Amino acid sequence: MSSPSKAVRWAAALAVPLVLAAGAAPAFATGDTYTVNVHQKLPLTATGNGVERGECPTIPADKDGWHFVLPTNGTVFVKLTVTFEPGGQQVITNFGPPTDKHAYVASPVGATLTSAVAEVKGGKVNWFNLSHACPAKPPTTQPPTTQPPTTKPPTTTAPPTTAAPSTSKPPTDGTKTPAPATSSAGTGTPSSSASPSASDTVVPTPSKPASTGGGKSLAQTGSVAVGGLLAVAAVLVGGGILLRRRRGNHAA
């Protein structure tokens, strides 16, 4: 009887750990969620003391950003409820990047975080962390660029166009245009200061008597004038000879 009793006792001893192990496994494999609070003491602001500063890739630059993270890789966020003053309550159901253990929240600039509660799944955690805050960045204001006034060059008025002197065309009726008088030196300028010498003096030709209508021709009138001039010349010559003789006689 002793041998069977030992066998039963050994079987019972081995069965107890198996039962305990079987009962413990479902506690970690369950799909149920549970609630945890943020680890930091609230209230907090994004620029307050004790808050780390970092980057929030999904938060606009004109908002304060908040980055929450779970402490283990086996746990993920299901729902995150946060409350800001001002700004009120927000419920976040979209998480990441890079995984669902990260959560990003935006708030008005300078708002105070007064509450943060999360529903999580997987593993077993007692809290989650505020990893860091991302204070809003002031807008970059560039000074207005003042361009110097554009100075237009003075308008230059073109001088009036002077028409070229017209060139006189020679008459087309066959008459030649007389050439301008030139000086004896060939310079094209008439001499105005030269005095005529005795040898250059021109003896005026006696005017011809007008026709009396007696029926004599121009040739006959000219011959009479020539004859008269010859007679006058003969008288003058004769008078000169006679005067010379008289002077000779007085001298003797």
Protein backbone atom coordinates (compact mmCIF):
# COMPACT_ATOMS: atom_id res chain seq x y z
CA MET A 1 0.00 0.00 0.00
CA SER A 2 2.91 2.31 0.54
CA SER A 3 4.09 2.31 -3.06
CA PRO A 4 0.78 3.38 -4.61
CA SER A 5 0.40 6.09 -1.99
CA LYS A 6 3.77 7.59 -2.89
CA ALA A 7 2.85 7.57 -6.56
CA VAL A 8 -0.37 9.46 -5.86
CA ARG A 9 1.41 12.00 -3.73
CA TRP A 10 4.02 12.64 -6.47
CA ALA A 11 1.32 13.01 -9.12
CA ALA A 12 -0.56 15.52 -6.96
CA ALA A 13 2.63 17.48 -6.30
CA LEU A 14 3.36 17.75 -10.05
CA ALA A 15 -0.21 18.74 -10.92
CA VAL A 16 -0.30 21.83 -8.66
CA PRO A 17 2.43 23.82 -10.52
CA LEU A 18 0.84 22.98 -13.86
CA VAL A 19 -2.52 24.28 -12.69
CA LEU A 20 -0.98 27.45 -11.37
CA ALA A 21 0.93 28.00 -14.58
CA ALA A 22 -2.16 27.42 -16.66
CA GLY A 23 -4.11 29.91 -14.57
CA ALA A 24 -1.39 32.55 -14.76
CA ALA A 25 -0.88 32.53 -18.57
CA PRO A 26 -4.22 34.14 -19.53
CA ALA A 27 -3.44 37.22 -17.39
CA PHE A 28 -0.62 38.27 -19.83
CA ALA A 29 -2.26 37.06 -23.05
CA THR A 30 -5.58 38.80 -22.50
CA GLY A 31 -6.72 41.50 -24.99
CA ASP A 32 -8.38 43.65 -22.32
CA THR A 33 -7.27 47.26 -21.77
CA TYR A 34 -6.53 49.00 -18.51
CA THR A 35 -6.10 52.62 -17.39
CA VAL A 36 -2.95 54.37 -16.22
CA ASN A 37 -2.05 57.99 -15.38
CA VAL A 38 0.87 60.15 -16.48
CA HIS A 39 3.92 59.72 -14.27
CA GLN A 40 4.76 63.45 -13.88
CA LYS A 41 3.11 65.67 -11.30
CA LEU A 42 0.60 68.09 -12.84
CA PRO A 43 -0.09 70.89 -13.69
CA LEU A 44 2.70 71.64 -16.22
CA THR A 45 3.35 74.03 -19.08
CA ALA A 46 5.45 73.42 -22.18
CA THR A 47 8.02 75.97 -21.01
CA GLY A 48 7.80 75.16 -17.30
CA ASN A 49 10.59 73.98 -15.03
CA GLY A 50 11.36 70.26 -15.10
CA VAL A 51 9.91 69.74 -18.60
CA GLU A 52 12.30 68.47 -21.26
CA ARG A 53 12.34 70.17 -24.67
CA GLY A 54 12.36 68.24 -27.92
CA GLU A 55 10.80 67.84 -31.37
CA CYS A 56 7.18 66.97 -32.19
CA PRO A 57 7.05 66.10 -35.92
CA THR A 58 3.22 66.02 -36.15
CA ILE A 59 2.53 69.29 -34.28
CA PRO A 60 2.22 72.66 -36.09
CA ALA A 61 4.92 75.21 -35.29
CA ASP A 62 2.33 77.71 -33.96
CA LYS A 63 1.11 75.26 -31.25
CA ASP A 64 2.63 73.85 -28.08
CA GLY A 65 3.36 70.13 -28.51
CA TRP A 66 3.40 67.27 -26.00
CA HIS A 67 5.04 63.86 -26.49
CA PHE A 68 3.84 60.97 -24.31
CA VAL A 69 5.45 57.49 -24.33
CA LEU A 70 4.84 54.10 -22.63
CA PRO A 71 7.80 52.57 -20.73
CA THR A 72 7.79 49.11 -22.37
CA ASN A 73 7.72 47.89 -25.96
CA GLY A 74 4.95 45.34 -25.24
CA THR A 75 2.38 48.02 -24.32
CA VAL A 76 0.55 50.36 -26.69
CA PHE A 77 -1.88 53.23 -26.37
CA VAL A 78 -5.56 52.58 -27.10
CA LYS A 79 -6.94 55.95 -26.00
CA LEU A 80 -5.37 59.04 -24.46
CA THR A 81 -7.44 61.74 -22.73
CA VAL A 82 -5.75 65.04 -21.89
CA THR A 83 -7.09 68.32 -20.48
CA PHE A 84 -5.56 71.80 -20.98
CA GLU A 85 -6.35 75.18 -19.51
CA PRO A 86 -7.16 76.93 -21.80
CA GLY A 87 -8.07 74.45 -24.52
CA GLY A 88 -10.26 71.94 -22.70
CA GLN A 89 -10.28 68.18 -23.09
CA GLN A 90 -8.90 66.21 -26.06
CA VAL A 91 -9.29 62.50 -26.83
CA ILE A 92 -6.48 61.01 -28.96
CA THR A 93 -6.94 57.68 -30.77
CA ASN A 94 -4.26 57.96 -33.49
CA PHE A 95 -0.70 57.33 -32.32
CA GLY A 96 2.88 57.29 -33.53
CA PRO A 97 5.27 57.65 -35.18
CA PRO A 98 7.12 55.42 -34.98
CA THR A 99 4.80 53.03 -33.06
CA ASP A 100 1.59 53.12 -31.01
CA LYS A 101 3.56 53.45 -27.77
CA HIS A 102 4.13 57.12 -28.74
CA ALA A 103 1.43 59.82 -28.58
CA TYR A 104 1.59 63.49 -29.72
CA VAL A 105 -0.84 66.19 -28.57
CA ALA A 106 -1.15 69.88 -29.56
CA SER A 107 -2.37 72.66 -27.29
CA PRO A 108 -2.75 76.46 -27.45
CA VAL A 109 0.46 78.39 -26.87
CA GLY A 110 1.14 78.71 -23.14
CA ALA A 111 -1.65 76.30 -22.13
CA THR A 112 -1.33 74.31 -18.89
CA LEU A 113 -1.65 70.50 -18.85
CA THR A 114 -3.97 69.67 -15.94
CA SER A 115 -4.81 65.99 -16.60
CA ALA A 116 -3.52 63.02 -18.69
CA VAL A 117 -5.09 59.52 -18.52
CA ALA A 118 -4.48 56.63 -20.95
CA GLU A 119 -6.11 53.31 -21.79
CA VAL A 120 -3.37 50.88 -22.76
CA LYS A 121 -3.13 47.29 -23.89
CA GLY A 122 -0.47 44.62 -23.50
CA GLY A 123 2.06 43.99 -20.79
CA LYS A 124 1.56 45.44 -17.37
CA VAL A 125 2.53 49.06 -16.65
CA ASN A 126 1.59 51.37 -13.82
CA TRP A 127 2.01 54.74 -15.59
CA PHE A 128 3.22 56.41 -18.80
CA ASN A 129 5.67 59.29 -19.25
CA LEU A 130 5.64 62.82 -20.60
CA SER A 131 8.79 62.42 -22.69
CA HIS A 132 9.16 66.12 -23.61
CA ALA A 133 7.32 69.25 -24.70
CA CYS A 134 7.71 71.28 -27.91
CA PRO A 135 7.01 74.99 -27.27
CA ALA A 136 5.58 76.90 -30.21
CA LYS A 137 8.09 78.72 -32.37
CA PRO A 138 7.46 82.43 -32.91
CA PRO A 139 6.89 83.35 -36.54
CA THR A 140 9.96 84.56 -38.34
CA THR A 141 9.39 88.21 -39.15
CA GLN A 142 11.60 89.65 -41.81
CA PRO A 143 11.97 93.41 -42.02
CA PRO A 144 10.31 94.83 -45.08
CA THR A 145 12.69 95.31 -47.91
CA THR A 146 12.74 98.94 -48.94
CA GLN A 147 13.76 99.38 -52.51
CA PRO A 148 15.27 102.69 -53.52
CA PRO A 149 13.03 104.75 -55.76
CA THR A 150 13.66 104.21 -59.39
CA THR A 151 15.10 107.35 -60.94
CA LYS A 152 14.36 107.74 -64.56
CA PRO A 153 17.03 109.41 -66.69
CA PRO A 154 16.08 112.87 -67.94
CA THR A 155 14.34 112.86 -71.24
CA THR A 156 16.60 114.29 -73.91
CA THR A 157 14.80 116.34 -76.51
CA ALA A 158 16.23 115.75 -79.93
CA PRO A 159 17.25 118.95 -81.75
CA PRO A 160 14.97 119.95 -84.60
CA THR A 161 15.98 118.50 -87.89
CA THR A 162 17.27 121.20 -90.27
CA ALA A 163 16.40 120.55 -93.85
CA ALA A 164 19.36 120.53 -96.19
CA PRO A 165 19.48 123.49 -98.59
CA SER A 166 17.87 122.69 -101.82
CA THR A 167 20.19 122.39 -104.79
CA SER A 168 19.11 124.52 -107.69
CA LYS A 169 18.70 122.52 -110.80
CA PRO A 170 19.81 124.02 -114.10
CA PRO A 171 16.96 125.28 -116.24
CA THR A 172 15.58 122.73 -118.57
CA ASP A 173 14.91 125.20 -121.43
CA GLY A 174 18.46 124.96 -122.74
CA THR A 175 19.68 128.25 -121.14
CA LYS A 176 23.04 127.94 -119.38
CA THR A 177 23.43 129.34 -115.90
CA PRO A 178 26.17 132.05 -115.88
CA ALA A 179 29.23 131.13 -113.84
CA PRO A 180 30.14 133.42 -110.92
CA ALA A 181 32.71 136.07 -111.64
CA THR A 182 36.23 135.29 -110.44
CA SER A 183 39.26 137.48 -109.91
CA SER A 184 42.21 137.50 -112.26
CA ALA A 185 44.17 135.53 -109.62
CA GLY A 186 41.78 132.57 -109.96
CA THR A 187 40.73 132.56 -106.26
CA GLY A 188 37.03 132.96 -107.03
CA THR A 189 36.92 136.30 -105.14
CA PRO A 190 36.67 139.51 -107.21
CA SER A 191 39.47 142.01 -106.59
CA SER A 192 38.11 145.21 -105.05
CA SER A 193 41.28 147.10 -104.03
CA ALA A 194 43.40 146.99 -107.20
CA SER A 195 43.72 150.43 -108.84
CA PRO A 196 43.72 150.53 -112.63
CA SER A 197 47.10 151.56 -114.13
CA ALA A 198 47.54 154.14 -116.84
CA SER A 199 48.11 151.48 -119.44
CA ASP A 200 44.98 149.71 -118.46
CA THR A 201 42.82 152.80 -118.89
CA VAL A 202 40.24 152.20 -121.54
CA VAL A 203 39.49 155.13 -123.78
CA PRO A 204 35.76 155.43 -124.14
CA THR A 205 34.47 154.97 -127.60
CA PRO A 206 32.55 157.98 -128.86
CA SER A 207 28.92 157.29 -129.04
CA LYS A 208 27.55 156.83 -132.45
CA PRO A 209 25.09 159.39 -133.62
CA ALA A 210 21.63 158.14 -133.75
CA SER A 211 20.09 157.60 -137.10
CA THR A 212 18.29 160.68 -138.38
CA GLY A 213 16.07 158.72 -140.55
CA GLY A 214 17.65 160.16 -143.69
CA GLY A 215 17.86 156.80 -145.23
CA LYS A 216 21.55 156.19 -144.47
CA SER A 217 22.51 152.78 -143.25
CA LEU A 218 24.43 151.99 -140.06
CA ALA A 219 27.60 151.28 -142.06
CA GLN A 220 27.50 154.71 -143.68
CA THR A 221 27.04 156.46 -140.35
CA GLY A 222 30.01 154.60 -138.90
CA SER A 223 32.27 155.64 -141.81
CA VAL A 224 31.37 159.31 -141.32
CA ALA A 225 32.31 159.09 -137.65
CA VAL A 226 35.65 157.51 -138.43
CA GLY A 227 36.39 160.19 -141.00
CA GLY A 228 35.62 162.93 -138.52
CA LEU A 229 37.98 161.42 -135.96
CA LEU A 230 40.78 161.29 -138.56
CA ALA A 231 40.25 164.94 -139.43
CA VAL A 232 40.45 165.97 -135.77
CA ALA A 233 43.64 163.96 -135.36
CA ALA A 234 45.20 165.69 -138.39
CA VAL A 235 44.37 169.14 -136.98
CA LEU A 236 45.92 168.24 -133.64
CA VAL A 237 49.09 166.93 -135.26
CA GLY A 238 49.39 169.99 -137.46
CA GLY A 239 48.88 172.29 -134.53
CA GLY A 240 51.61 170.51 -132.62
CA ILE A 241 54.10 170.94 -135.46
CA LEU A 242 53.30 174.62 -135.84
CA LEU A 243 53.71 175.18 -132.10
CA ARG A 244 57.08 173.45 -132.17
CA ARG A 245 58.30 175.64 -135.04
CA ARG A 246 57.29 178.79 -133.28
CA ARG A 247 59.22 177.76 -130.18
CA GLY A 248 62.22 177.09 -132.40
CA ASN A 249 62.05 180.53 -133.96
CA HIS A 250 61.84 182.23 -130.59
CA ALA A 251 64.86 180.32 -129.46
CA ALA A 252 66.98 181.46 -132.47
